[in-house]
Amino acid sequence: MATSPREVTRPVDPLILERWSPRAFDGSAIPQADIDTLFDAARWAPSAFNYQPWRFLYAHRESADWARFLDLLFPFNQGWVQHAGVLAFVLSDTLMAAPGSEDYKPSHSHSFDAGAAWATLALQATRLGYHTHAMTGVDFDKARAELAVPERFRIEAAIAIGRQGDKAVLPEALQAREAPSGRHEIETFAHQGNFIV
């Protein structure tokens, strides 16, 4: 039986357990080559018909875009994201067409597929010694206007990326929560056969 939030009773790959979402970042810069590696990992995520509906918009901490990207988050998130190395937004294309066609139709799995891309990016970040923290505490209408996002794209979430920092940079209430979290037992969400409440 597992005795800590990150112990498992089955042979889960350690990389999956090492990935978690801290809020304390050290403010260090992230080389563009590392960011490119994260996006390279994201592009290998599976997607319906290999349509790859994800898009990422990002700003480095020291770039001219940083302040306006940070301003798109709710104030609570701005308080800790300000110490990340990169802030990204993940979007998904809500429409899709067959290869070579201009006959676009609604995509059922656009959010699902973009989530797969975010997950592979997060795991690659962990492998490189970075941490990621995705959030929906975003002013989505403001983000759409500020980042010139076409209506057909859904802004899914924002992602802070960086090296983990000292939790002392966080407000006291958040310091107590700065630890990897546990998960529900498998029996609560996976069932053979019909849906069970």
Protein backbone atom coordinates (compact mmCIF):
# COMPACT_ATOMS: atom_id res chain seq x y z
CA MET A 1 0.00 0.00 0.00
CA ALA A 2 1.31 3.46 -0.89
CA THR A 3 2.31 5.55 2.13
CA SER A 4 3.17 8.88 0.50
CA PRO A 5 1.43 10.93 -2.22
CA ARG A 6 3.98 9.82 -4.84
CA GLU A 7 4.37 6.12 -4.04
CA VAL A 8 2.70 3.65 -6.38
CA THR A 9 1.71 0.01 -6.14
CA ARG A 10 2.33 -0.71 -9.82
CA PRO A 11 5.40 -0.25 -12.07
CA VAL A 12 4.76 3.35 -13.18
CA ASP A 13 7.74 5.00 -14.91
CA PRO A 14 9.56 7.26 -12.39
CA LEU A 15 9.52 10.18 -14.86
CA ILE A 16 5.75 10.38 -14.49
CA LEU A 17 6.05 10.61 -10.71
CA GLU A 18 8.85 13.19 -10.89
CA ARG A 19 6.61 15.55 -12.87
CA TRP A 20 4.69 17.84 -10.58
CA SER A 21 3.53 21.47 -10.60
CA PRO A 22 5.44 23.72 -8.21
CA ARG A 23 4.77 27.44 -7.92
CA ALA A 24 8.24 28.42 -6.68
CA PHE A 25 10.57 29.16 -9.58
CA ASP A 26 14.10 30.59 -9.38
CA GLY A 27 13.80 33.19 -12.15
CA SER A 28 16.64 31.77 -14.21
CA ALA A 29 16.65 32.08 -17.98
CA ILE A 30 15.88 29.06 -20.13
CA PRO A 31 18.01 28.63 -23.26
CA GLN A 32 16.05 28.72 -26.51
CA ALA A 33 17.49 25.31 -27.39
CA ASP A 34 15.77 23.81 -24.33
CA ILE A 35 12.46 25.47 -25.16
CA ASP A 36 12.77 24.14 -28.71
CA THR A 37 13.30 20.65 -27.27
CA LEU A 38 10.10 20.98 -25.23
CA PHE A 39 8.14 21.96 -28.32
CA ASP A 40 9.78 19.16 -30.29
CA ALA A 41 8.50 16.73 -27.64
CA ALA A 42 5.02 18.28 -27.84
CA ARG A 43 4.83 17.78 -31.59
CA TRP A 44 5.15 14.01 -31.16
CA ALA A 45 1.93 13.77 -29.16
CA PRO A 46 -0.83 11.67 -30.72
CA SER A 47 -3.80 13.41 -32.35
CA ALA A 48 -6.91 12.48 -34.30
CA PHE A 49 -6.02 11.92 -37.97
CA ASN A 50 -2.55 13.26 -37.06
CA TYR A 51 -4.06 16.74 -37.38
CA GLN A 52 -1.88 18.19 -34.58
CA PRO A 53 -4.28 21.01 -33.58
CA TRP A 54 -2.06 22.48 -30.86
CA ARG A 55 -0.38 25.86 -30.99
CA PHE A 56 1.94 27.42 -28.41
CA LEU A 57 2.55 31.13 -27.89
CA TYR A 58 5.34 31.95 -25.44
CA ALA A 59 7.52 34.63 -23.92
CA HIS A 60 10.88 34.41 -22.17
CA ARG A 61 11.14 36.16 -18.81
CA GLU A 62 13.61 38.77 -20.11
CA SER A 63 11.81 39.39 -23.43
CA ALA A 64 9.80 42.41 -24.49
CA ASP A 65 6.65 40.23 -24.46
CA TRP A 66 7.01 39.06 -20.85
CA ALA A 67 5.03 41.83 -19.11
CA ARG A 68 2.08 41.62 -21.49
CA PHE A 69 1.96 37.81 -21.25
CA LEU A 70 2.10 37.98 -17.45
CA ASP A 71 -0.67 40.60 -17.45
CA LEU A 72 -3.04 38.06 -19.04
CA LEU A 73 -3.04 35.94 -15.87
CA PHE A 74 -5.24 36.52 -12.84
CA PRO A 75 -3.36 38.48 -10.14
CA PHE A 76 -3.01 35.41 -7.89
CA ASN A 77 -1.11 33.57 -10.63
CA GLN A 78 0.93 36.63 -11.61
CA GLY A 79 2.33 36.64 -8.08
CA TRP A 80 4.18 33.36 -8.49
CA VAL A 81 4.51 33.04 -12.28
CA GLN A 82 6.64 36.21 -12.31
CA HIS A 83 9.57 34.02 -11.21
CA ALA A 84 9.24 31.47 -14.06
CA GLY A 85 11.66 31.43 -16.99
CA VAL A 86 9.04 31.14 -19.73
CA LEU A 87 5.29 31.67 -19.86
CA ALA A 88 3.39 29.88 -22.62
CA PHE A 89 -0.20 29.59 -23.73
CA VAL A 90 -1.44 26.38 -25.32
CA LEU A 91 -4.21 26.70 -27.91
CA SER A 92 -6.17 24.22 -29.98
CA ASP A 93 -7.66 24.51 -33.45
CA THR A 94 -11.39 23.77 -33.13
CA LEU A 95 -11.72 23.06 -36.86
CA MET A 96 -10.12 20.42 -39.03
CA ALA A 97 -10.08 19.42 -42.71
CA ALA A 98 -8.84 16.42 -44.63
CA PRO A 99 -5.33 16.81 -46.09
CA GLY A 100 -5.50 19.09 -49.15
CA SER A 101 -9.08 20.14 -48.42
CA GLU A 102 -10.47 23.53 -47.40
CA ASP A 103 -13.70 21.95 -46.11
CA TYR A 104 -13.25 22.62 -42.38
CA LYS A 105 -15.51 20.90 -39.87
CA PRO A 106 -15.65 21.02 -36.06
CA SER A 107 -13.02 18.85 -34.39
CA HIS A 108 -14.32 16.71 -31.56
CA SER A 109 -10.88 16.06 -30.04
CA HIS A 110 -9.03 19.38 -30.36
CA SER A 111 -8.79 19.97 -26.60
CA PHE A 112 -7.98 16.33 -25.93
CA ASP A 113 -5.17 16.39 -28.48
CA ALA A 114 -3.75 19.70 -27.21
CA GLY A 115 -3.76 18.17 -23.73
CA ALA A 116 -1.66 15.29 -25.02
CA ALA A 117 0.84 17.79 -26.46
CA TRP A 118 1.01 19.66 -23.15
CA ALA A 119 1.59 16.37 -21.28
CA THR A 120 4.50 15.35 -23.50
CA LEU A 121 5.98 18.84 -23.15
CA ALA A 122 5.68 18.60 -19.35
CA LEU A 123 7.38 15.20 -19.24
CA GLN A 124 10.21 16.41 -21.49
CA ALA A 125 10.65 19.43 -19.21
CA THR A 126 10.97 17.10 -16.24
CA ARG A 127 13.58 15.04 -18.08
CA LEU A 128 15.61 18.25 -18.69
CA GLY A 129 15.42 19.31 -15.03
CA TYR A 130 12.69 21.92 -15.42
CA HIS A 131 9.23 22.09 -13.92
CA THR A 132 5.98 23.17 -15.50
CA HIS A 133 2.74 24.40 -14.00
CA ALA A 134 -0.37 24.67 -16.17
CA MET A 135 -3.21 26.93 -15.10
CA THR A 136 -6.57 28.25 -16.24
CA GLY A 137 -6.44 31.35 -14.04
CA VAL A 138 -6.31 33.43 -17.22
CA ASP A 139 -8.36 36.33 -18.54
CA PHE A 140 -9.17 34.42 -21.72
CA ASP A 141 -10.99 37.26 -23.48
CA LYS A 142 -8.10 39.62 -22.83
CA ALA A 143 -5.60 36.95 -23.94
CA ARG A 144 -7.48 36.39 -27.20
CA ALA A 145 -7.39 40.10 -28.00
CA GLU A 146 -3.83 40.77 -26.81
CA LEU A 147 -2.33 37.76 -28.60
CA ALA A 148 -4.44 38.16 -31.78
CA VAL A 149 -5.87 34.63 -31.48
CA PRO A 150 -8.42 33.85 -34.25
CA GLU A 151 -11.90 32.80 -33.10
CA ARG A 152 -11.49 29.26 -34.39
CA PHE A 153 -8.74 28.61 -31.83
CA ARG A 154 -9.51 27.82 -28.19
CA ILE A 155 -7.05 29.09 -25.59
CA GLU A 156 -6.74 26.06 -23.33
CA ALA A 157 -4.37 27.12 -20.56
CA ALA A 158 -1.23 28.99 -19.60
CA ILE A 159 1.97 27.15 -18.65
CA ALA A 160 4.77 28.43 -16.42
CA ILE A 161 8.13 26.78 -17.17
CA GLY A 162 11.31 27.10 -15.15
CA ARG A 163 13.75 25.76 -12.62
CA GLN A 164 12.32 25.08 -9.20
CA GLY A 165 13.15 27.78 -6.67
CA ASP A 166 13.06 28.22 -2.92
CA LYS A 167 9.50 28.13 -1.63
CA ALA A 168 10.33 31.17 0.49
CA VAL A 169 9.55 33.31 -2.60
CA LEU A 170 5.89 32.31 -2.15
CA PRO A 171 3.34 33.72 0.27
CA GLU A 172 3.17 31.71 3.49
CA ALA A 173 -0.14 30.05 2.57
CA LEU A 174 1.35 28.69 -0.66
CA GLN A 175 4.57 27.53 0.95
CA ALA A 176 2.64 24.86 2.86
CA ARG A 177 1.23 23.52 -0.43
CA GLU A 178 4.58 23.42 -2.26
CA ALA A 179 4.93 19.65 -2.51
CA PRO A 180 4.01 16.95 -5.03
CA SER A 181 0.35 15.97 -4.69
CA GLY A 182 -1.25 12.56 -4.63
CA ARG A 183 -3.90 11.14 -6.91
CA HIS A 184 -7.21 9.28 -6.58
CA GLU A 185 -7.09 5.50 -6.41
CA ILE A 186 -7.59 3.73 -9.76
CA GLU A 187 -10.82 2.15 -8.54
CA THR A 188 -12.46 5.59 -8.30
CA PHE A 189 -12.10 6.43 -12.01
CA ALA A 190 -11.50 3.26 -14.05
CA HIS A 191 -14.32 0.71 -14.39
CA GLN A 192 -14.90 -2.26 -16.65
CA GLY A 193 -18.24 -1.90 -18.35
CA ASN A 194 -20.76 0.82 -17.66
CA PHE A 195 -20.27 4.16 -15.96
CA ILE A 196 -20.28 4.06 -12.16
CA VAL A 197 -20.84 7.16 -10.03
